[in-house]
Amino acid sequence: MGSGWTFADLDPDQLALVIETERNLDTDIVMVYRSGSQRWADVERIAAEGLSPVELEATQLERLQGMERQIGAVAVAYKRVA
């Protein structure tokens, strides 16, 4: 098992599913991660980019978790903050 989180390498169908999920959740971006040997996903850098995790309602969380199961990865929904 890896020691960090990397951005998931998605095929075109998986990427289309992520984009559809972004629209359905009304978020700015959904980032998808997988466990890896390197820590590429830097929370501080994401915050510096003006992104903040979104608190999802139960139905939105179910939708996000369904997408996670389909692509076999972990996803986080973000909104841009001013």
Protein backbone atom coordinates (compact mmCIF):
# COMPACT_ATOMS: atom_id res chain seq x y z
CA MET A 1 0.00 0.00 0.00
CA GLY A 2 1.17 3.53 -0.75
CA SER A 3 2.20 6.13 1.75
CA GLY A 4 0.40 9.12 0.27
CA TRP A 5 -2.27 10.29 -2.12
CA THR A 6 -1.82 10.97 -5.81
CA PHE A 7 -4.20 12.40 -8.34
CA ALA A 8 -5.93 9.48 -10.05
CA ASP A 9 -5.11 8.72 -13.66
CA LEU A 10 -8.54 8.53 -15.30
CA ASP A 11 -9.59 7.16 -18.66
CA PRO A 12 -11.96 9.26 -20.83
CA ASP A 13 -15.11 7.50 -19.55
CA GLN A 14 -14.09 8.00 -15.92
CA LEU A 15 -13.25 11.66 -16.57
CA ALA A 16 -16.67 12.16 -18.18
CA LEU A 17 -18.27 10.67 -15.06
CA VAL A 18 -16.32 13.08 -12.83
CA ILE A 19 -17.41 16.05 -14.96
CA GLU A 20 -21.03 14.91 -14.82
CA THR A 21 -20.75 14.55 -11.03
CA GLU A 22 -19.32 18.10 -10.74
CA ARG A 23 -22.38 19.43 -12.57
CA ASN A 24 -24.83 17.36 -10.54
CA LEU A 25 -23.30 18.46 -7.25
CA ASP A 26 -23.07 22.11 -8.32
CA THR A 27 -19.42 22.27 -7.34
CA ASP A 28 -16.52 23.98 -9.06
CA ILE A 29 -14.30 20.92 -9.18
CA VAL A 30 -14.18 17.31 -8.05
CA MET A 31 -10.66 15.99 -7.53
CA VAL A 32 -10.05 12.27 -7.62
CA TYR A 33 -7.29 10.59 -5.63
CA ARG A 34 -5.76 7.14 -5.27
CA SER A 35 -3.37 5.79 -2.70
CA GLY A 36 0.16 5.95 -4.05
CA SER A 37 3.82 5.76 -3.21
CA GLN A 38 4.24 9.53 -3.41
CA ARG A 39 2.33 12.36 -1.83
CA TRP A 40 1.33 14.54 -4.76
CA ALA A 41 -1.98 15.81 -3.46
CA ASP A 42 -0.91 18.76 -1.34
CA VAL A 43 -3.77 20.09 0.80
CA GLU A 44 -1.97 23.37 1.47
CA ARG A 45 -1.45 23.98 -2.23
CA ILE A 46 -5.11 23.26 -2.96
CA ALA A 47 -6.10 25.82 -0.32
CA ALA A 48 -3.64 28.33 -1.79
CA GLU A 49 -5.40 27.88 -5.14
CA GLY A 50 -8.58 29.18 -3.51
CA LEU A 51 -10.35 25.83 -3.23
CA SER A 52 -12.19 24.66 -0.16
CA PRO A 53 -13.91 21.28 0.36
CA VAL A 54 -17.68 21.43 0.06
CA GLU A 55 -19.97 20.19 2.81
CA LEU A 56 -22.40 17.95 0.96
CA GLU A 57 -25.99 17.10 1.77
CA ALA A 58 -26.80 13.41 2.22
CA THR A 59 -28.10 12.92 -1.34
CA GLN A 60 -25.06 14.71 -2.79
CA LEU A 61 -22.72 12.57 -0.70
CA GLU A 62 -24.46 9.42 -1.95
CA ARG A 63 -23.96 10.58 -5.54
CA LEU A 64 -20.26 11.30 -4.92
CA GLN A 65 -19.76 7.94 -3.22
CA GLY A 66 -21.50 6.18 -6.12
CA MET A 67 -19.04 7.79 -8.53
CA GLU A 68 -16.14 6.75 -6.28
CA ARG A 69 -17.30 3.12 -6.43
CA GLN A 70 -17.59 3.26 -10.22
CA ILE A 71 -14.07 4.56 -10.77
CA GLY A 72 -12.37 2.89 -7.79
CA ALA A 73 -10.95 6.04 -6.25
CA VAL A 74 -11.61 8.67 -3.58
CA ALA A 75 -13.14 12.00 -4.61
CA VAL A 76 -13.43 15.39 -2.91
CA ALA A 77 -15.76 18.16 -4.08
CA TYR A 78 -14.38 21.71 -3.92
CA LYS A 79 -15.70 25.24 -4.37
CA ARG A 80 -13.63 28.30 -5.16
CA VAL A 81 -13.46 30.74 -2.28
CA ALA A 82 -12.87 34.46 -2.66
